[in-house]
Protein backbone atom coordinates (compact mmCIF):
# COMPACT_ATOMS: atom_id res chain seq x y z
CA MET A 1 13.14 79.85 100.02
CA ASP A 2 11.64 79.63 96.58
CA ASP A 3 14.02 76.85 95.67
CA LEU A 4 12.97 74.86 98.69
CA GLN A 5 9.31 75.37 97.87
CA ASN A 6 9.89 74.31 94.27
CA PHE A 7 11.76 71.23 95.43
CA GLN A 8 8.93 70.19 97.76
CA ASP A 9 6.37 70.75 95.00
CA CYS A 10 8.42 68.59 92.65
CA THR A 11 8.84 65.84 95.17
CA ASN A 12 5.14 65.90 96.06
CA GLU A 13 4.27 65.71 92.37
CA ASN A 14 6.71 62.87 91.89
CA ILE A 15 5.31 61.03 94.88
CA GLU A 16 1.76 61.37 93.60
CA ARG A 17 2.77 60.25 90.12
CA LEU A 18 4.64 57.24 91.57
CA LYS A 19 1.61 56.35 93.71
CA GLU A 20 -0.61 56.36 90.63
CA LYS A 21 1.77 54.15 88.68
CA LEU A 22 2.07 51.78 91.63
CA GLU A 23 -1.69 51.55 91.97
CA GLU A 24 -1.98 50.77 88.26
CA LEU A 25 0.61 48.04 88.57
CA ASN A 26 -1.09 46.63 91.65
CA LEU A 27 -4.44 46.56 89.96
CA ASN A 28 -2.89 44.71 87.04
CA ASN A 29 -1.15 42.20 89.31
CA ASN A 30 -3.91 42.03 91.96
CA LYS A 31 -1.50 43.03 94.69
CA VAL A 32 -1.73 45.21 97.76
CA SER A 33 -2.14 48.97 97.34
CA PHE A 34 0.40 51.57 98.38
CA ASP A 35 -1.77 52.77 101.29
CA GLU A 36 -1.20 49.56 103.19
CA TYR A 37 2.54 50.10 103.04
CA SER A 38 2.35 53.74 103.99
CA GLU A 39 0.73 53.01 107.38
CA GLU A 40 3.19 52.84 110.18
CA LYS A 41 3.27 49.44 111.85
CA PRO A 42 5.27 48.47 114.90
CA ILE A 43 8.41 46.56 114.07
CA LYS A 44 8.51 43.08 115.58
CA ARG A 45 11.82 41.65 116.60
CA ARG A 46 12.64 38.25 115.25
CA LYS A 47 14.81 35.62 116.78
CA LYS A 48 18.27 35.43 115.36
CA THR A 49 18.64 32.57 112.97
CA LYS A 50 21.51 31.41 110.90
CA LYS A 51 20.96 32.24 107.28
CA LYS A 52 22.72 30.65 104.39
CA VAL A 53 24.39 32.96 101.98
CA VAL A 54 22.60 32.39 98.69
CA SER A 55 23.45 34.13 95.49
CA SER A 56 20.73 35.40 93.17
CA GLU A 57 21.52 32.62 90.68
CA ASP A 58 20.85 29.98 93.31
CA GLU A 59 17.53 31.58 94.17
CA GLU A 60 16.45 31.45 90.55
CA ASN A 61 17.47 27.80 90.21
CA GLU A 62 15.96 26.84 93.53
CA VAL A 63 12.30 26.85 92.53
CA GLU A 64 10.32 24.34 94.55
CA LYS A 65 9.11 21.61 92.29
CA PRO A 66 5.82 19.90 93.04
CA LYS A 67 6.15 16.31 94.19
CA ARG A 68 5.67 13.76 91.49
CA PRO A 69 2.88 11.28 92.11
CA ARG A 70 4.01 7.73 92.70
CA THR A 71 3.68 5.29 89.87
CA GLN A 72 1.54 2.19 90.17
CA LYS A 73 4.66 0.00 90.38
CA GLN A 74 6.02 2.11 93.23
CA ILE A 75 2.73 1.84 95.10
CA GLU A 76 2.67 -1.94 94.59
CA ALA A 77 6.28 -2.29 95.71
CA PHE A 78 5.54 -0.24 98.84
CA GLU A 79 2.51 -2.38 99.68
CA LYS A 80 4.55 -5.53 99.11
CA ALA A 81 7.27 -4.25 101.45
CA ARG A 82 4.68 -3.30 104.06
CA GLN A 83 3.13 -6.78 103.85
CA LYS A 84 6.56 -8.41 104.17
CA MET A 85 7.35 -6.29 107.24
CA LYS A 86 4.05 -7.33 108.82
CA GLU A 87 4.76 -11.03 108.13
CA ASN A 88 8.27 -10.74 109.59
CA ALA A 89 6.91 -9.05 112.71
CA GLU A 90 4.36 -11.83 113.19
CA ARG A 91 7.05 -14.49 112.63
CA ARG A 92 9.35 -12.87 115.21
CA LYS A 93 6.46 -12.62 117.67
CA LYS A 94 5.66 -16.34 117.26
CA GLU A 95 9.33 -17.26 117.68
CA LYS A 96 9.54 -15.22 120.85
CA GLU A 97 6.40 -16.85 122.24
CA SER A 98 7.72 -20.34 121.44
CA GLU A 99 11.06 -19.50 123.11
CA ASN A 100 9.19 -18.29 126.21
CA GLU A 101 7.15 -21.51 126.28
CA ILE A 102 10.32 -23.60 126.00
CA LYS A 103 11.92 -21.65 128.85
CA LYS A 104 8.81 -22.14 131.00
CA LYS A 105 8.85 -25.89 130.32
CA GLU A 106 12.55 -26.13 131.20
CA LEU A 107 11.93 -24.21 134.41
CA GLU A 108 9.02 -26.51 135.29
CA GLU A 109 11.21 -29.55 134.68
CA LYS A 110 13.91 -28.15 136.96
CA VAL A 111 11.36 -27.43 139.67
CA VAL A 112 9.93 -30.95 139.38
CA LYS A 113 13.42 -32.50 139.54
CA LYS A 114 14.25 -30.45 142.61
CA ALA A 115 10.98 -31.43 144.27
CA LEU A 116 11.66 -35.10 143.52
CA SER A 117 15.17 -34.90 144.96
CA ILE A 118 13.82 -33.24 148.12
CA LYS A 119 11.11 -35.88 148.41
CA LYS A 120 13.71 -38.67 147.98
CA LYS A 121 15.84 -37.15 150.73
CA GLU A 122 12.84 -37.03 153.07
CA ILE A 123 12.03 -40.66 152.32
CA LYS A 124 15.65 -41.65 153.03
CA LYS A 125 15.55 -39.76 156.35
CA LYS A 126 12.37 -41.55 157.35
CA ALA A 127 13.85 -44.89 156.37
CA ILE A 128 16.98 -44.24 158.40
CA LEU A 129 14.93 -43.15 161.41
CA GLU A 130 12.74 -46.25 161.11
CA GLU A 131 15.83 -48.49 160.99
CA ILE A 132 17.21 -46.81 164.04
CA SER A 133 13.94 -46.99 165.94
CA SER A 134 13.38 -50.63 164.94
CA ASP A 135 16.75 -51.57 166.36
CA SER A 136 15.52 -50.25 169.70
CA GLU A 137 18.87 -48.76 170.49
CA ASP A 138 19.45 -46.05 172.96
CA VAL A 139 18.28 -42.51 172.28
CA GLU A 140 21.85 -41.23 172.48
CA ILE A 141 23.00 -43.41 169.58
CA ILE A 142 20.09 -42.14 167.47
CA LYS A 143 21.05 -38.55 168.24
CA LYS A 144 24.68 -39.22 167.22
CA ILE A 145 23.61 -40.72 163.90
CA ALA A 146 21.27 -37.79 163.21
CA LYS A 147 24.11 -35.34 163.95
CA LYS A 148 26.44 -37.18 161.56
CA ILE A 149 23.85 -36.93 158.79
CA GLU A 150 23.40 -33.20 159.45
CA LYS A 151 27.18 -32.64 159.40
CA LYS A 152 27.45 -34.40 156.03
CA LYS A 153 24.74 -32.15 154.61
CA GLU A 154 26.42 -29.01 155.94
CA HIS A 155 29.74 -30.14 154.50
CA LYS A 156 28.14 -30.72 151.06
CA ASN A 157 26.46 -27.32 151.17
CA LYS A 158 29.75 -25.60 152.02
CA GLU A 159 31.53 -27.32 149.14
CA SER A 160 28.82 -26.36 146.67
CA THR A 161 28.95 -22.68 147.69
CA PHE A 162 32.72 -22.37 147.38
CA LYS A 163 33.20 -24.00 143.98
CA PHE A 164 35.07 -21.91 141.44
CA VAL A 165 33.90 -21.81 137.88
């Protein structure tokens, strides 16, 4: 029993002496006191993450260096590159706009050509009908001629739809 009591006294003395030394060191280094560590705090679980195996030598060599400031030449080169990118973007935008305008003009021309061809066909129909009516022929003959014209158009439309490229 005495031995146990002596052991506890020794350990308590050692603990107190270690606390004093730790407090001295903390005061010198402006760090946290031992009392903060002695309080019991709930343990928080962390998510599992993959950790790299790093030796102590790597840790010593792996001191984060502060970023070097850019030199004036680097800053000028970056601004020059930024300006060039902006000019290229504007040039591409203008090219795209001009291509769109060209496409619109081509489409307009196609529409106008189609409208002209339709108008010409209508004029031809009217001319044919006027010739027929001026001849004062029978109504049946006029109907036959009109049917022939319609058949020709249908035949042309069928041919155009079945062409192979």
